[in-house]
Structures are given as C-alpha cells and as structure tokens.
C-alpha atoms as a PDB file:
ATOM      1  CA  MET A   1    -166.319  35.559  57.446  1.00  0.00           C
ATOM      2  CA  LYS A   2    -166.898  38.933  55.770  1.00  0.00           C
ATOM      3  CA  ASP A   3    -170.134  39.139  56.428  1.00  0.00           C
ATOM      4  CA  LEU A   4    -169.996  38.724  60.410  1.00  0.00           C
ATOM      5  CA  LYS A   5    -166.972  41.374  59.879  1.00  0.00           C
ATOM      6  CA  ARG A   6    -169.234  43.648  58.461  1.00  0.00           C
ATOM      7  CA  TRP A   7    -172.406  42.639  60.880  1.00  0.00           C
ATOM      8  CA  MET A   8    -169.932  43.802  63.546  1.00  0.00           C
ATOM      9  CA  ASP A   9    -169.073  46.800  62.080  1.00  0.00           C
ATOM     10  CA  GLU A  10    -172.813  47.699  61.656  1.00  0.00           C
ATOM     11  CA  ASN A  11    -173.545  46.884  65.166  1.00  0.00           C
ATOM     12  CA  ARG A  12    -175.956  44.247  63.745  1.00  0.00           C
ATOM     13  CA  LYS A  13    -178.028  42.675  66.676  1.00  0.00           C
ATOM     14  CA  PHE A  14    -177.321  38.844  66.726  1.00  0.00           C
ATOM     15  CA  VAL A  15    -175.975  36.222  69.209  1.00  0.00           C
ATOM     16  CA  LEU A  16    -172.683  35.044  68.592  1.00  0.00           C
ATOM     17  CA  VAL A  17    -172.200  31.253  70.273  1.00  0.00           C
ATOM     18  CA  ASP A  18    -168.515  29.847  70.600  1.00  0.00           C
ATOM     19  CA  VAL A  19    -169.103  26.221  71.140  1.00  0.00           C
ATOM     20  CA  ARG A  20    -165.420  25.460  71.534  1.00  0.00           C
ATOM     21  CA  GLU A  21    -164.063  24.562  75.004  1.00  0.00           C
ATOM     22  CA  PRO A  22    -163.317  26.716  77.785  1.00  0.00           C
ATOM     23  CA  SER A  23    -159.356  25.914  77.372  1.00  0.00           C
ATOM     24  CA  GLU A  24    -160.057  27.403  73.690  1.00  0.00           C
ATOM     25  CA  TYR A  25    -161.885  30.102  74.752  1.00  0.00           C
ATOM     26  CA  GLN A  26    -159.129  31.195  76.800  1.00  0.00           C
ATOM     27  CA  ILE A  27    -156.793  31.257  73.939  1.00  0.00           C
ATOM     28  CA  ASN A  28    -158.742  33.369  72.046  1.00  0.00           C
ATOM     29  CA  ARG A  29    -161.992  34.711  71.464  1.00  0.00           C
ATOM     30  CA  LEU A  30    -164.347  36.807  69.199  1.00  0.00           C
ATOM     31  CA  VAL A  31    -165.628  40.029  71.201  1.00  0.00           C
ATOM     32  CA  GLY A  32    -169.300  39.365  72.514  1.00  0.00           C
ATOM     33  CA  SER A  33    -169.078  35.808  72.092  1.00  0.00           C
ATOM     34  CA  LYS A  34    -171.196  33.664  74.220  1.00  0.00           C
ATOM     35  CA  LEU A  35    -169.328  30.265  75.217  1.00  0.00           C
ATOM     36  CA  ILE A  36    -171.466  27.104  74.943  1.00  0.00           C
ATOM     37  CA  PRO A  37    -169.559  24.283  74.404  1.00  0.00           C
ATOM     38  CA  LEU A  38    -171.101  21.541  71.930  1.00  0.00           C
ATOM     39  CA  GLY A  39    -171.217  19.056  74.657  1.00  0.00           C
ATOM     40  CA  ASP A  40    -173.513  21.686  76.713  1.00  0.00           C
ATOM     41  CA  LEU A  41    -175.407  22.920  74.123  1.00  0.00           C
ATOM     42  CA  PRO A  42    -178.304  20.458  74.744  1.00  0.00           C
ATOM     43  CA  LYS A  43    -178.754  21.201  78.408  1.00  0.00           C
ATOM     44  CA  ARG A  44    -177.959  25.019  77.797  1.00  0.00           C
ATOM     45  CA  VAL A  45    -180.013  25.775  74.289  1.00  0.00           C
ATOM     46  CA  HIS A  46    -182.776  27.043  76.400  1.00  0.00           C
ATOM     47  CA  GLU A  47    -179.960  30.315  77.103  1.00  0.00           C
ATOM     48  CA  LEU A  48    -180.788  30.937  73.272  1.00  0.00           C
ATOM     49  CA  ASP A  49    -184.105  33.089  71.765  1.00  0.00           C
ATOM     50  CA  SER A  50    -184.902  30.969  68.654  1.00  0.00           C
ATOM     51  CA  ALA A  51    -186.030  34.650  67.253  1.00  0.00           C
ATOM     52  CA  ASP A  52    -182.367  36.079  67.717  1.00  0.00           C
ATOM     53  CA  GLU A  53    -180.187  35.814  64.377  1.00  0.00           C
ATOM     54  CA  ILE A  54    -177.632  33.269  65.748  1.00  0.00           C
ATOM     55  CA  VAL A  55    -173.962  32.779  64.384  1.00  0.00           C
ATOM     56  CA  VAL A  56    -172.104  29.679  65.670  1.00  0.00           C
ATOM     57  CA  HIS A  57    -168.538  29.393  65.547  1.00  0.00           C
ATOM     58  CA  CYS A  58    -165.785  26.637  66.550  1.00  0.00           C
ATOM     59  CA  HIS A  59    -162.050  26.119  65.827  1.00  0.00           C
ATOM     60  CA  PHE A  60    -162.216  24.986  62.026  1.00  0.00           C
ATOM     61  CA  GLY A  61    -166.130  24.728  61.966  1.00  0.00           C
ATOM     62  CA  GLY A  62    -166.913  20.980  62.243  1.00  0.00           C
ATOM     63  CA  ARG A  63    -168.330  21.672  65.773  1.00  0.00           C
ATOM     64  CA  SER A  64    -170.327  24.662  64.747  1.00  0.00           C
ATOM     65  CA  ALA A  65    -171.839  23.054  61.777  1.00  0.00           C
ATOM     66  CA  LYS A  66    -173.088  19.990  64.261  1.00  0.00           C
ATOM     67  CA  ALA A  67    -174.232  22.934  66.378  1.00  0.00           C
ATOM     68  CA  VAL A  68    -176.187  24.275  63.611  1.00  0.00           C
ATOM     69  CA  GLN A  69    -178.025  20.966  62.816  1.00  0.00           C
ATOM     70  CA  PHE A  70    -178.881  20.696  66.695  1.00  0.00           C
ATOM     71  CA  LEU A  71    -180.329  24.336  66.623  1.00  0.00           C
ATOM     72  CA  ASN A  72    -182.339  23.577  63.717  1.00  0.00           C
ATOM     73  CA  LYS A  73    -183.699  20.603  64.838  1.00  0.00           C
ATOM     74  CA  ALA A  74    -184.592  22.341  67.933  1.00  0.00           C
ATOM     75  CA  GLY A  75    -186.579  24.801  65.914  1.00  0.00           C
ATOM     76  CA  PHE A  76    -184.126  27.571  65.384  1.00  0.00           C
ATOM     77  CA  LYS A  77    -184.145  29.011  61.743  1.00  0.00           C
ATOM     78  CA  LYS A  78    -182.105  31.956  62.269  1.00  0.00           C
ATOM     79  CA  VAL A  79    -178.850  29.807  62.535  1.00  0.00           C
ATOM     80  CA  LYS A  80    -175.273  30.298  60.904  1.00  0.00           C
ATOM     81  CA  ASN A  81    -172.127  28.600  60.780  1.00  0.00           C
ATOM     82  CA  LEU A  82    -169.037  30.426  60.979  1.00  0.00           C
ATOM     83  CA  ALA A  83    -167.265  28.462  57.981  1.00  0.00           C
ATOM     84  CA  GLY A  84    -163.653  27.893  58.669  1.00  0.00           C
ATOM     85  CA  GLY A  85    -164.082  28.855  62.620  1.00  0.00           C
ATOM     86  CA  ILE A  86    -161.915  31.192  64.675  1.00  0.00           C
ATOM     87  CA  ASP A  87    -158.851  29.981  62.628  1.00  0.00           C
ATOM     88  CA  ALA A  88    -159.920  31.054  59.272  1.00  0.00           C
ATOM     89  CA  TRP A  89    -161.260  34.581  61.174  1.00  0.00           C
ATOM     90  CA  SER A  90    -157.299  34.618  62.644  1.00  0.00           C
ATOM     91  CA  VAL A  91    -156.359  34.433  58.773  1.00  0.00           C
ATOM     92  CA  GLU A  92    -158.805  36.382  57.202  1.00  0.00           C
ATOM     93  CA  VAL A  93    -159.900  39.281  58.956  1.00  0.00           C
ATOM     94  CA  ASP A  94    -157.762  39.541  62.548  1.00  0.00           C
ATOM     95  CA  PRO A  95    -154.058  38.495  62.307  1.00  0.00           C
ATOM     96  CA  ALA A  96    -154.165  39.623  65.961  1.00  0.00           C
ATOM     97  CA  CYS A  97    -156.315  36.739  66.749  1.00  0.00           C
ATOM     98  CA  PRO A  98    -153.809  33.900  67.990  1.00  0.00           C
ATOM     99  CA  ARG A  99    -153.677  30.616  65.918  1.00  0.00           C
ATOM    100  CA  TYR A 100    -153.461  27.300  67.784  1.00  0.00           C
ATOM    101  CA  SER A 101    -153.331  23.551  66.837  1.00  0.00           C
END
C-alpha cells in the first residue's frame, strides 16, 4: 500500500490496472488506473505490455490476486497485487476515497 503511494508520489512508471466492475469504478478509482474487469482480462490482455511494471487492484484483493495469477501464466513477470484493494487504500492512504460494501 505504502509502496504504491510512494511510486505515485515519485511519478514512477508503472501501469495500474483496476479489475473491478464498471459500477464499482464509478464509485471510486485510483488516479491513472486502467479499468479491465477480471472477466474481460483474457480477451483484453493484449492491451497490457509484459515489459511494464503492473500493479493490479480490486475492492479487497481477491479478484486482483486471480488477475495476477492469470497474468503470470500469460508470461507477465513484473506484476504485483495491491493487497487489501481500494478498501485498504481508503483506510490507510486516502480517507477521501469513498468506501462501499
């Protein structure tokens, strides 16, 4: 969590992928994130570059963990899961980011 915030503050080059559903993305989102719902990932994986450093997130971390597994199997080596998801981000980093259930 803190690493992602630091990367953002340092303008580090990485791709932030949000694997939640569009309705969740409308509630809150991390600046610069690319929405690719988990169910769409297999047919949209070509939109990502395996050479990029990628951070994947969802609501709590479960769907993003599945996305990381999928991407690893597809040959992506520099992929990280944002443990705790956007909910933990709202609690630990940005309280202005709305929480939902």
